[in-house]
Amino acid sequence: MALTRPEYTFPSLAWLLIFLAWLLLPNHDFSVRLLLGWSAISLAGAIVTILPLPFLPFRPEQSVSHYGVHALYAATQLPVLWSTWRMR
């Protein structure tokens, strides 16, 4: 799959914009809450999208490597959740 697909591009842009807001804006409280919320949404998405729900397209095939990518993505959200929870 191309990395320019919307399901990759839009979440990456959201992460970048929220991170830049945290980095550059003086009011860290708002951007920390945005980071906390976005990482919670990303964690939920990593978990929900591996469930065999009928409205989800299963491409690529549900394989062990595909589940591994979801587990890795979910694991990368945990430090963000932990650190932003402590900062809020």
N, C-alpha and C. Protein backbone atom coordinates (compact mmCIF):
# COMPACT_ATOMS: atom_id res chain seq x y z
N MET A 1 0.83 -1.18 0.00
CA MET A 1 0.00 0.00 0.00
C MET A 1 0.88 1.25 0.00
N ALA A 2 0.47 2.22 -0.75
CA ALA A 2 1.23 3.46 -0.84
C ALA A 2 1.05 4.30 0.43
N LEU A 3 2.11 4.91 0.87
CA LEU A 3 2.05 5.74 2.07
C LEU A 3 1.31 7.05 1.84
N THR A 4 0.97 7.35 0.60
CA THR A 4 0.24 8.58 0.30
C THR A 4 -1.26 8.39 0.35
N ARG A 5 -1.71 7.22 0.72
CA ARG A 5 -3.15 6.98 0.83
C ARG A 5 -3.72 7.81 1.99
N PRO A 6 -4.99 8.22 1.89
CA PRO A 6 -5.58 9.08 2.92
C PRO A 6 -5.56 8.48 4.32
N GLU A 7 -5.70 7.16 4.44
CA GLU A 7 -5.72 6.56 5.77
C GLU A 7 -4.36 6.62 6.46
N TYR A 8 -3.30 6.92 5.71
CA TYR A 8 -1.99 7.14 6.31
C TYR A 8 -1.66 8.63 6.41
N THR A 9 -2.01 9.38 5.38
CA THR A 9 -1.64 10.78 5.30
C THR A 9 -2.36 11.63 6.34
N PHE A 10 -3.67 11.50 6.48
CA PHE A 10 -4.42 12.36 7.39
C PHE A 10 -4.06 12.15 8.86
N PRO A 11 -3.96 10.91 9.33
CA PRO A 11 -3.52 10.74 10.73
C PRO A 11 -2.10 11.27 10.97
N SER A 12 -1.21 11.09 10.00
CA SER A 12 0.16 11.59 10.15
C SER A 12 0.17 13.11 10.21
N LEU A 13 -0.64 13.75 9.37
CA LEU A 13 -0.74 15.21 9.41
C LEU A 13 -1.33 15.69 10.73
N ALA A 14 -2.30 14.96 11.25
CA ALA A 14 -2.90 15.32 12.54
C ALA A 14 -1.85 15.24 13.63
N TRP A 15 -1.06 14.16 13.67
CA TRP A 15 0.01 14.04 14.65
C TRP A 15 0.99 15.20 14.53
N LEU A 16 1.38 15.52 13.30
CA LEU A 16 2.35 16.59 13.08
C LEU A 16 1.80 17.94 13.55
N LEU A 17 0.57 18.25 13.20
CA LEU A 17 -0.02 19.53 13.60
C LEU A 17 -0.18 19.65 15.11
N ILE A 18 -0.63 18.58 15.74
CA ILE A 18 -0.80 18.62 17.20
C ILE A 18 0.56 18.72 17.90
N PHE A 19 1.55 18.00 17.40
CA PHE A 19 2.88 18.08 17.98
C PHE A 19 3.46 19.48 17.82
N LEU A 20 3.31 20.07 16.63
CA LEU A 20 3.80 21.43 16.42
C LEU A 20 3.07 22.43 17.31
N ALA A 21 1.78 22.22 17.52
CA ALA A 21 1.03 23.09 18.43
C ALA A 21 1.59 22.98 19.84
N TRP A 22 1.91 21.76 20.27
CA TRP A 22 2.49 21.56 21.60
C TRP A 22 3.87 22.23 21.69
N LEU A 23 4.62 22.11 20.62
CA LEU A 23 5.98 22.62 20.61
C LEU A 23 6.03 24.15 20.56
N LEU A 24 5.14 24.76 19.79
CA LEU A 24 5.26 26.18 19.50
C LEU A 24 4.32 27.09 20.29
N LEU A 25 3.16 26.60 20.68
CA LEU A 25 2.20 27.46 21.35
C LEU A 25 2.50 27.54 22.85
N PRO A 26 2.27 28.70 23.43
CA PRO A 26 2.58 28.85 24.87
C PRO A 26 1.60 28.10 25.78
N ASN A 27 0.39 27.86 25.34
CA ASN A 27 -0.60 27.17 26.16
C ASN A 27 -0.48 25.66 25.93
N HIS A 28 0.36 25.00 26.73
CA HIS A 28 0.59 23.57 26.55
C HIS A 28 -0.61 22.73 27.00
N ASP A 29 -1.44 23.28 27.85
CA ASP A 29 -2.57 22.51 28.38
C ASP A 29 -3.49 22.03 27.26
N PHE A 30 -3.83 22.92 26.35
CA PHE A 30 -4.73 22.56 25.26
C PHE A 30 -4.09 21.53 24.34
N SER A 31 -2.83 21.73 23.96
CA SER A 31 -2.18 20.80 23.04
C SER A 31 -1.90 19.45 23.71
N VAL A 32 -1.65 19.44 25.01
CA VAL A 32 -1.47 18.17 25.72
C VAL A 32 -2.77 17.38 25.70
N ARG A 33 -3.88 18.07 25.90
CA ARG A 33 -5.18 17.38 25.84
C ARG A 33 -5.46 16.85 24.43
N LEU A 34 -5.07 17.61 23.41
CA LEU A 34 -5.22 17.13 22.04
C LEU A 34 -4.36 15.89 21.80
N LEU A 35 -3.11 15.93 22.26
CA LEU A 35 -2.23 14.76 22.12
C LEU A 35 -2.80 13.55 22.86
N LEU A 36 -3.31 13.77 24.05
CA LEU A 36 -3.90 12.68 24.82
C LEU A 36 -5.10 12.09 24.08
N GLY A 37 -5.97 12.95 23.59
CA GLY A 37 -7.15 12.48 22.87
C GLY A 37 -6.81 11.76 21.58
N TRP A 38 -5.86 12.32 20.81
CA TRP A 38 -5.51 11.70 19.54
C TRP A 38 -4.82 10.35 19.75
N SER A 39 -3.99 10.24 20.77
CA SER A 39 -3.35 8.96 21.03
C SER A 39 -4.36 7.93 21.53
N ALA A 40 -5.37 8.36 22.28
CA ALA A 40 -6.42 7.44 22.71
C ALA A 40 -7.23 6.96 21.51
N ILE A 41 -7.53 7.87 20.58
CA ILE A 41 -8.25 7.49 19.36
C ILE A 41 -7.40 6.53 18.53
N SER A 42 -6.10 6.81 18.43
CA SER A 42 -5.21 5.93 17.66
C SER A 42 -5.10 4.55 18.29
N LEU A 43 -5.03 4.49 19.60
CA LEU A 43 -4.98 3.20 20.29
C LEU A 43 -6.27 2.42 20.06
N ALA A 44 -7.39 3.10 20.19
CA ALA A 44 -8.67 2.43 19.95
C ALA A 44 -8.77 1.96 18.51
N GLY A 45 -8.30 2.77 17.58
CA GLY A 45 -8.32 2.38 16.17
C GLY A 45 -7.45 1.18 15.90
N ALA A 46 -6.29 1.11 16.53
CA ALA A 46 -5.39 -0.04 16.35
C ALA A 46 -6.04 -1.32 16.85
N ILE A 47 -6.84 -1.19 17.89
CA ILE A 47 -7.50 -2.38 18.45
C ILE A 47 -8.76 -2.75 17.68
N VAL A 48 -9.60 -1.76 17.40
CA VAL A 48 -10.90 -2.03 16.76
C VAL A 48 -10.73 -2.54 15.34
N THR A 49 -9.74 -2.04 14.62
CA THR A 49 -9.61 -2.42 13.21
C THR A 49 -9.09 -3.84 13.00
N ILE A 50 -8.69 -4.53 14.05
CA ILE A 50 -8.33 -5.94 13.86
C ILE A 50 -9.51 -6.86 14.13
N LEU A 51 -10.59 -6.30 14.67
CA LEU A 51 -11.78 -7.11 14.91
C LEU A 51 -12.49 -7.40 13.60
N PRO A 52 -13.02 -8.59 13.44
CA PRO A 52 -13.69 -8.94 12.17
C PRO A 52 -15.10 -8.34 12.08
N LEU A 53 -15.17 -7.02 11.99
CA LEU A 53 -16.44 -6.34 11.88
C LEU A 53 -16.86 -6.27 10.42
N PRO A 54 -18.15 -6.45 10.12
CA PRO A 54 -18.57 -6.55 8.72
C PRO A 54 -18.39 -5.27 7.91
N PHE A 55 -18.33 -4.11 8.53
CA PHE A 55 -18.20 -2.87 7.77
C PHE A 55 -16.75 -2.50 7.48
N LEU A 56 -15.80 -3.26 8.01
CA LEU A 56 -14.39 -2.97 7.77
C LEU A 56 -13.88 -3.79 6.58
N PRO A 57 -13.19 -3.14 5.63
CA PRO A 57 -12.61 -3.90 4.51
C PRO A 57 -11.35 -4.62 5.00
N PHE A 58 -11.25 -5.88 4.71
CA PHE A 58 -10.09 -6.64 5.17
C PHE A 58 -9.08 -6.78 4.05
N ARG A 59 -8.42 -5.67 3.75
CA ARG A 59 -7.30 -5.64 2.82
C ARG A 59 -6.19 -4.88 3.51
N PRO A 60 -5.03 -5.34 3.68
CA PRO A 60 -4.55 -6.66 3.29
C PRO A 60 -5.17 -7.77 4.14
N GLU A 61 -4.88 -8.97 3.75
CA GLU A 61 -5.43 -10.11 4.48
C GLU A 61 -5.03 -10.06 5.95
N GLN A 62 -5.88 -10.58 6.78
CA GLN A 62 -5.61 -10.63 8.21
C GLN A 62 -4.62 -11.76 8.49
N SER A 63 -3.36 -11.39 8.62
CA SER A 63 -2.30 -12.37 8.83
C SER A 63 -1.57 -12.04 10.14
N VAL A 64 -0.66 -12.91 10.50
CA VAL A 64 0.10 -12.70 11.73
C VAL A 64 0.93 -11.41 11.62
N SER A 65 1.52 -11.17 10.46
CA SER A 65 2.31 -9.94 10.31
C SER A 65 1.42 -8.70 10.37
N HIS A 66 0.21 -8.79 9.84
CA HIS A 66 -0.72 -7.66 9.90
C HIS A 66 -1.12 -7.38 11.35
N TYR A 67 -1.40 -8.42 12.11
CA TYR A 67 -1.71 -8.24 13.52
C TYR A 67 -0.51 -7.69 14.29
N GLY A 68 0.70 -8.10 13.89
CA GLY A 68 1.91 -7.59 14.51
C GLY A 68 2.07 -6.09 14.31
N VAL A 69 1.75 -5.62 13.12
CA VAL A 69 1.81 -4.18 12.85
C VAL A 69 0.82 -3.44 13.73
N HIS A 70 -0.38 -3.99 13.88
CA HIS A 70 -1.37 -3.35 14.75
C HIS A 70 -0.90 -3.35 16.21
N ALA A 71 -0.29 -4.43 16.64
CA ALA A 71 0.23 -4.50 18.02
C ALA A 71 1.35 -3.48 18.22
N LEU A 72 2.23 -3.36 17.24
CA LEU A 72 3.31 -2.37 17.32
C LEU A 72 2.75 -0.96 17.35
N TYR A 73 1.78 -0.68 16.49
CA TYR A 73 1.17 0.65 16.45
C TYR A 73 0.48 0.96 17.78
N ALA A 74 -0.23 -0.01 18.32
CA ALA A 74 -0.89 0.18 19.62
C ALA A 74 0.15 0.42 20.71
N ALA A 75 1.25 -0.32 20.66
CA ALA A 75 2.30 -0.16 21.67
C ALA A 75 2.95 1.21 21.60
N THR A 76 3.03 1.80 20.41
CA THR A 76 3.64 3.13 20.30
C THR A 76 2.73 4.22 20.86
N GLN A 77 1.46 3.93 21.04
CA GLN A 77 0.55 4.92 21.61
C GLN A 77 0.64 4.95 23.13
N LEU A 78 1.08 3.87 23.74
CA LEU A 78 1.10 3.80 25.20
C LEU A 78 2.04 4.83 25.85
N PRO A 79 3.27 5.04 25.35
CA PRO A 79 4.10 6.09 25.97
C PRO A 79 3.51 7.49 25.81
N VAL A 80 2.87 7.74 24.68
CA VAL A 80 2.24 9.04 24.47
C VAL A 80 1.09 9.23 25.46
N LEU A 81 0.28 8.20 25.60
CA LEU A 81 -0.82 8.27 26.57
C LEU A 81 -0.30 8.47 27.98
N TRP A 82 0.71 7.73 28.36
CA TRP A 82 1.27 7.81 29.71
C TRP A 82 1.86 9.19 29.97
N SER A 83 2.68 9.70 29.05
CA SER A 83 3.33 10.99 29.29
C SER A 83 2.34 12.15 29.24
N THR A 84 1.38 12.11 28.32
CA THR A 84 0.41 13.21 28.27
C THR A 84 -0.56 13.15 29.45
N TRP A 85 -0.85 11.96 29.93
CA TRP A 85 -1.71 11.84 31.12
C TRP A 85 -1.01 12.50 32.32
N ARG A 86 0.29 12.30 32.42
CA ARG A 86 1.05 12.90 33.52
C ARG A 86 1.18 14.41 33.35
N MET A 87 1.25 14.91 32.12
CA MET A 87 1.42 16.34 31.87
C MET A 87 0.13 17.15 32.05
N ARG A 88 -1.00 16.48 31.93
CA ARG A 88 -2.25 17.25 31.94
C ARG A 88 -2.48 17.77 33.29
